[in-house]
N, C-alpha and C. Protein backbone atom coordinates (compact mmCIF):
# COMPACT_ATOMS: atom_id res chain seq x y z
N MET A 1 -14.77 -3.73 12.31
CA MET A 1 -15.46 -2.48 12.33
C MET A 1 -16.43 -2.42 11.18
N GLN A 2 -17.62 -2.09 11.47
CA GLN A 2 -18.68 -2.02 10.46
C GLN A 2 -18.94 -0.52 10.13
N VAL A 3 -18.78 -0.19 8.87
CA VAL A 3 -19.02 1.19 8.44
C VAL A 3 -20.29 1.22 7.63
N THR A 4 -21.22 2.08 8.02
CA THR A 4 -22.49 2.15 7.31
C THR A 4 -22.47 3.24 6.26
N ASP A 5 -23.44 3.24 5.39
CA ASP A 5 -23.57 4.30 4.39
C ASP A 5 -23.73 5.67 5.08
N ALA A 6 -24.44 5.70 6.21
CA ALA A 6 -24.60 6.96 6.95
C ALA A 6 -23.23 7.46 7.42
N ASP A 7 -22.37 6.57 7.90
CA ASP A 7 -21.02 6.97 8.33
C ASP A 7 -20.28 7.61 7.14
N LEU A 8 -20.32 7.00 5.99
CA LEU A 8 -19.62 7.51 4.80
C LEU A 8 -20.20 8.82 4.34
N GLN A 9 -21.54 9.01 4.39
CA GLN A 9 -22.16 10.23 4.03
C GLN A 9 -21.75 11.37 4.95
N TYR A 10 -21.63 11.06 6.27
CA TYR A 10 -21.17 12.05 7.24
C TYR A 10 -19.78 12.53 6.89
N LEU A 11 -18.89 11.58 6.59
CA LEU A 11 -17.52 11.95 6.23
C LEU A 11 -17.47 12.80 4.99
N GLU A 12 -18.33 12.52 4.03
CA GLU A 12 -18.39 13.36 2.83
C GLU A 12 -18.73 14.77 3.16
N GLY A 13 -19.62 14.96 4.14
CA GLY A 13 -20.11 16.29 4.48
C GLY A 13 -19.17 17.14 5.31
N VAL A 14 -18.25 16.53 6.07
CA VAL A 14 -17.43 17.29 6.97
C VAL A 14 -16.02 17.53 6.44
N HIS A 15 -15.67 16.95 5.34
CA HIS A 15 -14.33 17.12 4.79
C HIS A 15 -14.31 18.01 3.56
N ALA A 16 -13.18 18.62 3.35
CA ALA A 16 -12.98 19.47 2.17
C ALA A 16 -13.05 18.67 0.90
N PRO A 17 -13.32 19.31 -0.23
CA PRO A 17 -13.36 18.60 -1.49
C PRO A 17 -11.96 17.99 -1.78
N LEU A 18 -11.98 17.06 -2.73
CA LEU A 18 -10.71 16.43 -3.16
C LEU A 18 -9.81 17.46 -3.78
N GLY A 19 -8.52 17.29 -3.63
CA GLY A 19 -7.59 18.14 -4.31
C GLY A 19 -7.44 17.76 -5.77
N PRO A 20 -6.73 18.54 -6.54
CA PRO A 20 -6.64 18.25 -7.97
C PRO A 20 -5.97 16.90 -8.33
N VAL A 21 -5.02 16.47 -7.53
CA VAL A 21 -4.37 15.18 -7.82
C VAL A 21 -5.35 14.05 -7.61
N LEU A 22 -6.04 14.06 -6.46
CA LEU A 22 -7.01 12.99 -6.16
C LEU A 22 -8.16 13.04 -7.18
N GLU A 23 -8.59 14.20 -7.55
CA GLU A 23 -9.70 14.35 -8.56
C GLU A 23 -9.26 13.68 -9.86
N GLU A 24 -8.05 13.98 -10.31
CA GLU A 24 -7.57 13.40 -11.56
C GLU A 24 -7.43 11.89 -11.49
N MET A 25 -6.91 11.38 -10.36
CA MET A 25 -6.78 9.95 -10.18
C MET A 25 -8.13 9.26 -10.14
N LEU A 26 -9.13 9.89 -9.49
CA LEU A 26 -10.47 9.34 -9.41
C LEU A 26 -11.04 9.27 -10.82
N LYS A 27 -10.93 10.36 -11.57
CA LYS A 27 -11.44 10.44 -12.93
C LYS A 27 -10.79 9.34 -13.80
N THR A 28 -9.49 9.22 -13.75
CA THR A 28 -8.74 8.25 -14.54
C THR A 28 -9.12 6.84 -14.14
N GLY A 29 -9.18 6.59 -12.84
CA GLY A 29 -9.53 5.27 -12.36
C GLY A 29 -10.91 4.80 -12.82
N ARG A 30 -11.85 5.70 -12.71
CA ARG A 30 -13.22 5.37 -13.16
C ARG A 30 -13.28 5.16 -14.66
N ALA A 31 -12.58 6.04 -15.40
CA ALA A 31 -12.62 5.91 -16.88
C ALA A 31 -12.00 4.59 -17.35
N GLU A 32 -10.96 4.14 -16.63
CA GLU A 32 -10.23 2.90 -17.08
C GLU A 32 -10.71 1.70 -16.35
N GLY A 33 -11.75 1.80 -15.49
CA GLY A 33 -12.29 0.66 -14.79
C GLY A 33 -11.38 0.09 -13.71
N VAL A 34 -10.52 0.96 -13.16
CA VAL A 34 -9.60 0.56 -12.07
C VAL A 34 -10.38 0.50 -10.77
N PRO A 35 -10.29 -0.58 -10.02
CA PRO A 35 -11.00 -0.67 -8.74
C PRO A 35 -10.29 0.12 -7.66
N ILE A 36 -10.75 1.34 -7.33
CA ILE A 36 -10.13 2.16 -6.34
C ILE A 36 -11.15 2.38 -5.22
N VAL A 37 -10.67 2.81 -4.05
CA VAL A 37 -11.57 3.07 -2.93
C VAL A 37 -12.39 4.32 -3.23
N SER A 38 -13.55 4.39 -2.65
CA SER A 38 -14.42 5.59 -2.87
C SER A 38 -13.77 6.75 -2.11
N PRO A 39 -14.10 7.95 -2.50
CA PRO A 39 -13.61 9.10 -1.71
C PRO A 39 -14.01 9.03 -0.23
N ALA A 40 -15.20 8.54 0.05
CA ALA A 40 -15.63 8.41 1.44
C ALA A 40 -14.81 7.42 2.22
N SER A 41 -14.39 6.32 1.54
CA SER A 41 -13.56 5.36 2.19
C SER A 41 -12.14 5.92 2.41
N GLY A 42 -11.67 6.71 1.46
CA GLY A 42 -10.39 7.40 1.62
C GLY A 42 -10.41 8.34 2.77
N ARG A 43 -11.52 9.05 2.97
CA ARG A 43 -11.64 9.98 4.08
C ARG A 43 -11.65 9.20 5.43
N LEU A 44 -12.31 8.07 5.40
CA LEU A 44 -12.34 7.19 6.58
C LEU A 44 -10.94 6.70 6.92
N LEU A 45 -10.20 6.31 5.91
CA LEU A 45 -8.81 5.91 6.16
C LEU A 45 -8.00 7.04 6.82
N ARG A 46 -8.20 8.21 6.28
CA ARG A 46 -7.46 9.39 6.86
C ARG A 46 -7.84 9.63 8.32
N VAL A 47 -9.15 9.60 8.59
CA VAL A 47 -9.63 9.77 9.97
C VAL A 47 -9.01 8.73 10.91
N LEU A 48 -9.09 7.48 10.49
CA LEU A 48 -8.56 6.37 11.34
C LEU A 48 -7.07 6.50 11.58
N VAL A 49 -6.30 6.80 10.55
CA VAL A 49 -4.85 6.94 10.74
C VAL A 49 -4.53 8.13 11.59
N THR A 50 -5.25 9.24 11.41
CA THR A 50 -5.01 10.41 12.21
C THR A 50 -5.35 10.16 13.67
N ALA A 51 -6.48 9.50 13.91
CA ALA A 51 -6.93 9.25 15.27
C ALA A 51 -6.04 8.23 16.01
N LEU A 52 -5.57 7.24 15.28
CA LEU A 52 -4.73 6.17 15.92
C LEU A 52 -3.30 6.57 16.01
N ALA A 53 -2.83 7.49 15.14
CA ALA A 53 -1.48 7.98 15.13
C ALA A 53 -0.43 6.84 15.19
N PRO A 54 -0.52 5.87 14.28
CA PRO A 54 0.46 4.77 14.29
C PRO A 54 1.84 5.29 13.88
N LYS A 55 2.88 4.56 14.33
CA LYS A 55 4.26 4.91 13.95
C LYS A 55 4.48 4.54 12.49
N ARG A 56 3.87 3.48 12.03
CA ARG A 56 4.06 3.03 10.69
C ARG A 56 2.67 2.57 10.12
N VAL A 57 2.53 2.69 8.83
CA VAL A 57 1.35 2.16 8.15
C VAL A 57 1.84 1.40 6.94
N LEU A 58 1.31 0.19 6.80
CA LEU A 58 1.65 -0.62 5.59
C LEU A 58 0.39 -0.66 4.71
N GLU A 59 0.52 -0.14 3.51
CA GLU A 59 -0.59 -0.19 2.57
C GLU A 59 -0.14 -1.02 1.39
N ILE A 60 -0.81 -2.15 1.17
CA ILE A 60 -0.51 -2.98 0.04
C ILE A 60 -1.47 -2.70 -1.08
N GLY A 61 -1.01 -1.92 -2.02
CA GLY A 61 -1.87 -1.47 -3.06
C GLY A 61 -1.91 -2.46 -4.25
N THR A 62 -3.05 -2.44 -4.94
CA THR A 62 -3.20 -3.28 -6.09
C THR A 62 -3.70 -2.53 -7.30
N ALA A 63 -3.73 -1.20 -7.22
CA ALA A 63 -4.31 -0.40 -8.32
C ALA A 63 -3.36 0.74 -8.67
N ILE A 64 -3.80 1.97 -8.46
CA ILE A 64 -3.02 3.17 -8.93
C ILE A 64 -2.53 4.05 -7.78
N GLY A 65 -2.63 3.62 -6.55
CA GLY A 65 -2.11 4.38 -5.45
C GLY A 65 -3.06 5.40 -4.85
N PHE A 66 -4.31 5.34 -5.24
CA PHE A 66 -5.29 6.35 -4.81
C PHE A 66 -5.48 6.31 -3.28
N SER A 67 -5.60 5.17 -2.68
CA SER A 67 -5.75 5.14 -1.21
C SER A 67 -4.54 5.56 -0.46
N THR A 68 -3.38 5.39 -1.05
CA THR A 68 -2.12 5.75 -0.41
C THR A 68 -2.06 7.26 -0.20
N LEU A 69 -2.60 8.05 -1.14
CA LEU A 69 -2.52 9.48 -1.10
C LEU A 69 -3.41 10.11 -0.01
N TRP A 70 -4.35 9.36 0.53
CA TRP A 70 -5.23 9.90 1.56
C TRP A 70 -4.40 10.13 2.80
C-alpha cells in the first residue's frame, strides 16, 4: 500500500486533535530524538485497524509505545 502526503494531510484534517497523553509522548519523543510514527501515520493505523476489524493485532515496538496507543 502506497500512502501519499496528500493521504496523510487528509487524515490530519478529518480527525480530532491528539489527546494529552499522545501530545506528551510526541513532545517527549521529539525532544529526546526517539524515532516515533508521525501523528498522520498513527491516524492511518487507526483507520486501517478500524476498517479491517482484525481479531488480533501484533505491534512490535522499538521506541516508546506511541503507535500502540493509536
